[in-house]
Amino acid sequence: MNIPDTLRYTRNHEWLRLEGDVAVVGITDFAQGELGDVVFVELEPAGSDLQRDAVFGTVEAVKTVSEVFLPVSGTIESVNPDLEANPEIVNEEPYGRGWMVRVRMSDPSEIEDLLSAAAYADLVGA
C-alpha cells in the first residue's frame, strides 16, 4: 500500500497535497483498493463553496458507492476533467492523475487537523 510522506490524510481516506494556498484532493490508495474497480466519479462543480467534511462527490465502484469528504473548507477551483471519461485512473494513480478537485482554502490552518502519513498508516494498519 502506498502512503506518500508528502501528503496529509483524513480518517475517511482522502488525501491532500498543498500547492500554495490551493489544496489538491483525492482518495487514498487504501480507499481505491477497498472500493474495487471505479466505474464513475461525480464531483461538485467548480465554484462550489464547501465547509470542511462536506461531501464533495461520490465514487461508484463495482462493489459499492462511496461519498468523498472535503478535508478543508474552501471553494472548488477545478475538478479533474479526465475522471468523467476515465474514472479508472483513480485506481491506477490515486495520488497522481487520479486527483479529484483543487480547492482554494478559506482556512489553511485546518490542514493542521489532518493526519500525517505515519498516523494514517497506523489507522489503516499498514
N, C-alpha and C. Protein backbone atom coordinates (compact mmCIF):
# COMPACT_ATOMS: atom_id res chain seq x y z
N MET A 1 0.85 -1.18 0.00
CA MET A 1 0.00 0.00 0.00
C MET A 1 0.90 1.24 0.00
N ASN A 2 0.55 2.19 -0.83
CA ASN A 2 1.33 3.41 -0.99
C ASN A 2 0.74 4.52 -0.14
N ILE A 3 1.57 5.11 0.77
CA ILE A 3 1.16 6.24 1.62
C ILE A 3 2.28 7.28 1.58
N PRO A 4 2.25 8.18 0.60
CA PRO A 4 3.34 9.16 0.46
C PRO A 4 3.47 10.07 1.69
N ASP A 5 4.73 10.29 2.09
CA ASP A 5 5.02 11.15 3.25
C ASP A 5 4.69 12.61 3.00
N THR A 6 4.59 13.02 1.74
CA THR A 6 4.41 14.43 1.40
C THR A 6 2.95 14.89 1.45
N LEU A 7 2.03 13.98 1.75
CA LEU A 7 0.61 14.31 1.76
C LEU A 7 0.07 14.31 3.19
N ARG A 8 -1.12 14.90 3.35
CA ARG A 8 -1.86 14.80 4.61
C ARG A 8 -3.11 13.98 4.32
N TYR A 9 -3.71 13.39 5.36
CA TYR A 9 -4.78 12.40 5.18
C TYR A 9 -5.94 12.64 6.15
N THR A 10 -7.10 12.12 5.76
CA THR A 10 -8.27 12.17 6.65
C THR A 10 -8.58 10.76 7.13
N ARG A 11 -9.36 10.67 8.17
CA ARG A 11 -9.82 9.37 8.67
C ARG A 11 -10.80 8.72 7.70
N ASN A 12 -11.34 9.52 6.77
CA ASN A 12 -12.27 9.00 5.76
C ASN A 12 -11.56 8.58 4.48
N HIS A 13 -10.22 8.61 4.49
CA HIS A 13 -9.39 8.10 3.38
C HIS A 13 -9.27 9.03 2.19
N GLU A 14 -9.35 10.34 2.44
CA GLU A 14 -8.98 11.32 1.43
C GLU A 14 -7.55 11.79 1.70
N TRP A 15 -6.88 12.25 0.65
CA TRP A 15 -5.55 12.84 0.81
C TRP A 15 -5.59 14.28 0.35
N LEU A 16 -4.61 15.06 0.81
CA LEU A 16 -4.50 16.47 0.45
C LEU A 16 -3.04 16.78 0.17
N ARG A 17 -2.79 17.44 -0.96
CA ARG A 17 -1.46 17.94 -1.30
C ARG A 17 -1.56 19.45 -1.42
N LEU A 18 -0.71 20.15 -0.71
CA LEU A 18 -0.73 21.60 -0.71
C LEU A 18 0.10 22.13 -1.88
N GLU A 19 -0.50 23.04 -2.66
CA GLU A 19 0.18 23.74 -3.75
C GLU A 19 -0.09 25.22 -3.56
N GLY A 20 0.75 25.88 -2.74
CA GLY A 20 0.48 27.27 -2.37
C GLY A 20 -0.72 27.31 -1.45
N ASP A 21 -1.72 28.12 -1.79
CA ASP A 21 -2.94 28.16 -0.97
C ASP A 21 -4.07 27.35 -1.59
N VAL A 22 -3.69 26.46 -2.51
CA VAL A 22 -4.66 25.55 -3.13
C VAL A 22 -4.36 24.13 -2.66
N ALA A 23 -5.42 23.43 -2.30
CA ALA A 23 -5.29 22.04 -1.87
C ALA A 23 -5.78 21.14 -2.99
N VAL A 24 -4.96 20.18 -3.38
CA VAL A 24 -5.36 19.16 -4.35
C VAL A 24 -5.82 17.96 -3.52
N VAL A 25 -7.00 17.41 -3.85
CA VAL A 25 -7.62 16.38 -3.02
C VAL A 25 -8.00 15.17 -3.87
N GLY A 26 -7.84 13.99 -3.29
CA GLY A 26 -8.26 12.76 -3.93
C GLY A 26 -8.50 11.70 -2.86
N ILE A 27 -8.70 10.46 -3.28
CA ILE A 27 -8.84 9.37 -2.31
C ILE A 27 -7.55 8.56 -2.28
N THR A 28 -7.33 7.92 -1.15
CA THR A 28 -6.06 7.21 -0.94
C THR A 28 -6.01 5.88 -1.69
N ASP A 29 -4.80 5.36 -1.77
CA ASP A 29 -4.58 4.05 -2.35
C ASP A 29 -5.37 3.00 -1.58
N PHE A 30 -5.40 3.11 -0.26
CA PHE A 30 -6.18 2.19 0.56
C PHE A 30 -7.66 2.25 0.16
N ALA A 31 -8.21 3.47 0.02
CA ALA A 31 -9.63 3.63 -0.31
C ALA A 31 -9.96 3.03 -1.67
N GLN A 32 -9.14 3.32 -2.68
CA GLN A 32 -9.45 2.78 -4.01
C GLN A 32 -9.37 1.26 -4.01
N GLY A 33 -8.45 0.71 -3.22
CA GLY A 33 -8.33 -0.74 -3.12
C GLY A 33 -9.55 -1.37 -2.47
N GLU A 34 -10.08 -0.70 -1.43
CA GLU A 34 -11.27 -1.19 -0.75
C GLU A 34 -12.50 -1.09 -1.65
N LEU A 35 -12.57 -0.02 -2.45
CA LEU A 35 -13.72 0.17 -3.33
C LEU A 35 -13.74 -0.84 -4.48
N GLY A 36 -12.58 -1.19 -5.00
CA GLY A 36 -12.52 -2.03 -6.18
C GLY A 36 -12.51 -1.17 -7.42
N ASP A 37 -12.87 -1.74 -8.55
CA ASP A 37 -12.78 -1.03 -9.83
C ASP A 37 -13.75 0.15 -9.88
N VAL A 38 -13.19 1.36 -9.97
CA VAL A 38 -14.00 2.58 -10.04
C VAL A 38 -14.58 2.70 -11.44
N VAL A 39 -15.91 2.90 -11.51
CA VAL A 39 -16.58 2.99 -12.81
C VAL A 39 -17.21 4.36 -13.07
N PHE A 40 -17.33 5.19 -12.01
CA PHE A 40 -17.95 6.50 -12.20
C PHE A 40 -17.56 7.40 -11.04
N VAL A 41 -17.24 8.65 -11.34
CA VAL A 41 -16.93 9.65 -10.32
C VAL A 41 -17.80 10.87 -10.59
N GLU A 42 -18.54 11.32 -9.58
CA GLU A 42 -19.36 12.52 -9.70
C GLU A 42 -18.89 13.51 -8.65
N LEU A 43 -18.54 14.74 -9.08
CA LEU A 43 -17.97 15.74 -8.19
C LEU A 43 -18.78 17.03 -8.25
N GLU A 44 -18.74 17.78 -7.13
CA GLU A 44 -19.35 19.11 -7.12
C GLU A 44 -18.63 19.97 -8.16
N PRO A 45 -19.34 20.90 -8.80
CA PRO A 45 -18.71 21.69 -9.86
C PRO A 45 -17.78 22.77 -9.32
N ALA A 46 -16.89 23.24 -10.19
CA ALA A 46 -16.03 24.38 -9.86
C ALA A 46 -16.92 25.54 -9.44
N GLY A 47 -16.45 26.29 -8.46
CA GLY A 47 -17.22 27.42 -7.94
C GLY A 47 -18.01 27.08 -6.69
N SER A 48 -18.12 25.80 -6.35
CA SER A 48 -18.86 25.39 -5.16
C SER A 48 -18.07 25.77 -3.91
N ASP A 49 -18.75 26.45 -2.97
CA ASP A 49 -18.16 26.77 -1.67
C ASP A 49 -18.61 25.72 -0.68
N LEU A 50 -17.65 25.04 -0.06
CA LEU A 50 -17.98 23.94 0.85
C LEU A 50 -17.19 24.06 2.15
N GLN A 51 -17.78 23.57 3.21
CA GLN A 51 -17.11 23.53 4.50
C GLN A 51 -16.34 22.23 4.65
N ARG A 52 -15.36 22.23 5.53
CA ARG A 52 -14.61 21.01 5.84
C ARG A 52 -15.58 19.90 6.21
N ASP A 53 -15.30 18.70 5.76
CA ASP A 53 -16.08 17.49 5.99
C ASP A 53 -17.38 17.42 5.18
N ALA A 54 -17.63 18.41 4.31
CA ALA A 54 -18.80 18.35 3.44
C ALA A 54 -18.54 17.31 2.34
N VAL A 55 -19.61 16.68 1.87
CA VAL A 55 -19.50 15.74 0.76
C VAL A 55 -19.23 16.56 -0.50
N PHE A 56 -18.14 16.22 -1.21
CA PHE A 56 -17.85 16.94 -2.45
C PHE A 56 -18.03 16.05 -3.68
N GLY A 57 -18.44 14.80 -3.45
CA GLY A 57 -18.68 13.93 -4.58
C GLY A 57 -18.93 12.50 -4.15
N THR A 58 -19.14 11.66 -5.17
CA THR A 58 -19.31 10.23 -4.93
C THR A 58 -18.43 9.46 -5.91
N VAL A 59 -18.00 8.31 -5.44
CA VAL A 59 -17.22 7.40 -6.27
C VAL A 59 -18.00 6.10 -6.35
N GLU A 60 -18.33 5.70 -7.57
CA GLU A 60 -19.06 4.46 -7.78
C GLU A 60 -18.08 3.40 -8.28
N ALA A 61 -18.09 2.28 -7.58
CA ALA A 61 -17.24 1.17 -7.96
C ALA A 61 -18.12 -0.05 -8.19
N VAL A 62 -17.52 -1.11 -8.67
CA VAL A 62 -18.27 -2.34 -8.92
C VAL A 62 -18.94 -2.82 -7.63
N LYS A 63 -18.22 -2.68 -6.51
CA LYS A 63 -18.72 -3.18 -5.23
C LYS A 63 -19.71 -2.27 -4.54
N THR A 64 -19.53 -0.93 -4.66
CA THR A 64 -20.29 -0.01 -3.82
C THR A 64 -20.23 1.41 -4.36
N VAL A 65 -20.98 2.30 -3.73
CA VAL A 65 -20.89 3.74 -3.97
C VAL A 65 -20.46 4.38 -2.66
N SER A 66 -19.50 5.29 -2.74
CA SER A 66 -18.97 5.91 -1.53
C SER A 66 -18.92 7.43 -1.70
N GLU A 67 -19.29 8.14 -0.65
CA GLU A 67 -19.16 9.59 -0.65
C GLU A 67 -17.72 9.97 -0.33
N VAL A 68 -17.29 11.11 -0.85
CA VAL A 68 -15.97 11.64 -0.53
C VAL A 68 -16.15 12.99 0.15
N PHE A 69 -15.32 13.23 1.17
CA PHE A 69 -15.48 14.38 2.05
C PHE A 69 -14.31 15.34 1.91
N LEU A 70 -14.60 16.64 1.89
CA LEU A 70 -13.58 17.65 1.72
C LEU A 70 -12.77 17.82 3.02
N PRO A 71 -11.44 17.70 2.93
CA PRO A 71 -10.61 17.80 4.14
C PRO A 71 -10.49 19.22 4.71
N VAL A 72 -10.73 20.24 3.88
CA VAL A 72 -10.62 21.64 4.29
C VAL A 72 -11.75 22.46 3.68
N SER A 73 -12.09 23.55 4.33
CA SER A 73 -13.11 24.47 3.80
C SER A 73 -12.54 25.28 2.65
N GLY A 74 -13.40 25.60 1.68
CA GLY A 74 -12.95 26.45 0.58
C GLY A 74 -13.85 26.36 -0.64
N THR A 75 -13.33 26.90 -1.73
CA THR A 75 -14.04 26.94 -3.00
C THR A 75 -13.36 26.00 -3.98
N ILE A 76 -14.13 25.13 -4.59
CA ILE A 76 -13.57 24.24 -5.60
C ILE A 76 -13.19 25.09 -6.82
N GLU A 77 -11.90 25.09 -7.14
CA GLU A 77 -11.41 25.85 -8.29
C GLU A 77 -11.54 25.06 -9.57
N SER A 78 -11.28 23.75 -9.47
CA SER A 78 -11.38 22.91 -10.65
C SER A 78 -11.60 21.47 -10.24
N VAL A 79 -12.20 20.73 -11.16
CA VAL A 79 -12.36 19.29 -10.99
C VAL A 79 -11.53 18.61 -12.07
N ASN A 80 -11.10 17.41 -11.79
CA ASN A 80 -10.27 16.68 -12.74
C ASN A 80 -11.11 16.30 -13.97
N PRO A 81 -10.83 16.91 -15.12
CA PRO A 81 -11.64 16.65 -16.31
C PRO A 81 -11.48 15.24 -16.86
N ASP A 82 -10.39 14.56 -16.50
CA ASP A 82 -10.14 13.22 -17.02
C ASP A 82 -11.00 12.14 -16.38
N LEU A 83 -11.57 12.44 -15.20
CA LEU A 83 -12.31 11.40 -14.47
C LEU A 83 -13.65 11.04 -15.12
N GLU A 84 -14.23 11.97 -15.86
CA GLU A 84 -15.51 11.66 -16.49
C GLU A 84 -15.37 10.54 -17.52
N ALA A 85 -14.38 10.63 -18.38
CA ALA A 85 -14.19 9.62 -19.42
C ALA A 85 -13.36 8.42 -18.94
N ASN A 86 -12.51 8.65 -17.93
CA ASN A 86 -11.59 7.60 -17.48
C ASN A 86 -11.57 7.49 -15.95
N PRO A 87 -12.67 7.11 -15.32
CA PRO A 87 -12.69 7.04 -13.85
C PRO A 87 -11.70 6.03 -13.28
N GLU A 88 -11.26 5.07 -14.10
CA GLU A 88 -10.34 4.05 -13.62
C GLU A 88 -8.97 4.61 -13.24
N ILE A 89 -8.66 5.85 -13.63
CA ILE A 89 -7.37 6.40 -13.22
C ILE A 89 -7.30 6.61 -11.70
N VAL A 90 -8.46 6.65 -11.04
CA VAL A 90 -8.46 6.70 -9.57
C VAL A 90 -7.81 5.43 -9.03
N ASN A 91 -8.07 4.29 -9.66
CA ASN A 91 -7.44 3.03 -9.25
C ASN A 91 -5.96 2.98 -9.65
N GLU A 92 -5.67 3.47 -10.84
CA GLU A 92 -4.32 3.35 -11.40
C GLU A 92 -3.33 4.31 -10.75
N GLU A 93 -3.75 5.55 -10.52
CA GLU A 93 -2.85 6.59 -9.99
C GLU A 93 -3.61 7.48 -9.01
N PRO A 94 -3.96 6.95 -7.83
CA PRO A 94 -4.78 7.74 -6.90
C PRO A 94 -4.11 9.03 -6.44
N TYR A 95 -2.77 9.07 -6.39
CA TYR A 95 -2.07 10.26 -5.93
C TYR A 95 -1.55 11.13 -7.07
N GLY A 96 -1.76 10.71 -8.29
CA GLY A 96 -1.28 11.46 -9.44
C GLY A 96 -2.44 11.90 -10.31
N ARG A 97 -2.54 11.27 -11.47
CA ARG A 97 -3.59 11.63 -12.43
C ARG A 97 -5.00 11.42 -11.89
N GLY A 98 -5.15 10.64 -10.82
CA GLY A 98 -6.46 10.37 -10.24
C GLY A 98 -6.94 11.39 -9.23
N TRP A 99 -6.27 12.56 -9.14
CA TRP A 99 -6.75 13.62 -8.24
C TRP A 99 -8.19 13.98 -8.59
N MET A 100 -8.92 14.54 -7.64
CA MET A 100 -10.34 14.83 -7.88
C MET A 100 -10.65 16.31 -7.99
N VAL A 101 -10.27 17.11 -6.98
CA VAL A 101 -10.58 18.54 -7.01
C VAL A 101 -9.39 19.36 -6.53
N ARG A 102 -9.37 20.62 -6.97
CA ARG A 102 -8.44 21.63 -6.45
C ARG A 102 -9.31 22.65 -5.71
N VAL A 103 -8.93 22.93 -4.47
CA VAL A 103 -9.74 23.78 -3.60
C VAL A 103 -8.92 24.97 -3.13
N ARG A 104 -9.44 26.18 -3.33
CA ARG A 104 -8.83 27.37 -2.74
C ARG A 104 -9.33 27.42 -1.30
N MET A 105 -8.40 27.22 -0.37
CA MET A 105 -8.77 27.09 1.03
C MET A 105 -9.19 28.42 1.64
N SER A 106 -10.23 28.39 2.46
CA SER A 106 -10.65 29.58 3.19
C SER A 106 -9.98 29.66 4.56
N ASP A 107 -9.50 28.52 5.07
CA ASP A 107 -8.83 28.48 6.37
C ASP A 107 -7.69 27.46 6.32
N PRO A 108 -6.51 27.88 5.83
CA PRO A 108 -5.39 26.95 5.70
C PRO A 108 -4.98 26.26 7.01
N SER A 109 -5.33 26.85 8.16
CA SER A 109 -4.96 26.23 9.44
C SER A 109 -5.66 24.88 9.65
N GLU A 110 -6.72 24.62 8.90
CA GLU A 110 -7.42 23.33 9.02
C GLU A 110 -6.52 22.15 8.64
N ILE A 111 -5.48 22.40 7.87
CA ILE A 111 -4.55 21.33 7.49
C ILE A 111 -3.91 20.70 8.72
N GLU A 112 -3.73 21.50 9.77
CA GLU A 112 -3.09 21.00 10.99
C GLU A 112 -3.90 19.88 11.63
N ASP A 113 -5.20 19.80 11.34
CA ASP A 113 -6.06 18.76 11.91
C ASP A 113 -5.98 17.44 11.16
N LEU A 114 -5.29 17.43 10.02
CA LEU A 114 -5.21 16.22 9.19
C LEU A 114 -4.10 15.30 9.69
N LEU A 115 -4.16 14.06 9.27
CA LEU A 115 -3.19 13.05 9.70
C LEU A 115 -1.91 13.10 8.87
N SER A 116 -0.80 12.82 9.52
CA SER A 116 0.46 12.62 8.82
C SER A 116 0.42 11.26 8.15
N ALA A 117 1.39 10.99 7.29
CA ALA A 117 1.47 9.68 6.64
C ALA A 117 1.61 8.57 7.68
N ALA A 118 2.44 8.80 8.71
CA ALA A 118 2.63 7.78 9.75
C ALA A 118 1.33 7.51 10.52
N ALA A 119 0.61 8.57 10.85
CA ALA A 119 -0.64 8.41 11.58
C ALA A 119 -1.69 7.70 10.71
N TYR A 120 -1.71 8.03 9.42
CA TYR A 120 -2.65 7.36 8.52
C TYR A 120 -2.28 5.89 8.37
N ALA A 121 -1.01 5.60 8.26
CA ALA A 121 -0.56 4.20 8.16
C ALA A 121 -1.01 3.42 9.39
N ASP A 122 -0.91 4.01 10.57
CA ASP A 122 -1.39 3.37 11.80
C ASP A 122 -2.90 3.12 11.71
N LEU A 123 -3.64 4.11 11.20
CA LEU A 123 -5.09 3.98 11.09
C LEU A 123 -5.52 2.80 10.24
N VAL A 124 -4.83 2.61 9.11
CA VAL A 124 -5.22 1.55 8.18
C VAL A 124 -4.45 0.25 8.40
N GLY A 125 -3.57 0.25 9.39
CA GLY A 125 -2.85 -0.97 9.72
C GLY A 125 -1.75 -1.32 8.74
N ALA A 126 -1.15 -0.29 8.13
CA ALA A 126 -0.08 -0.54 7.15
C ALA A 126 1.28 -0.61 7.83
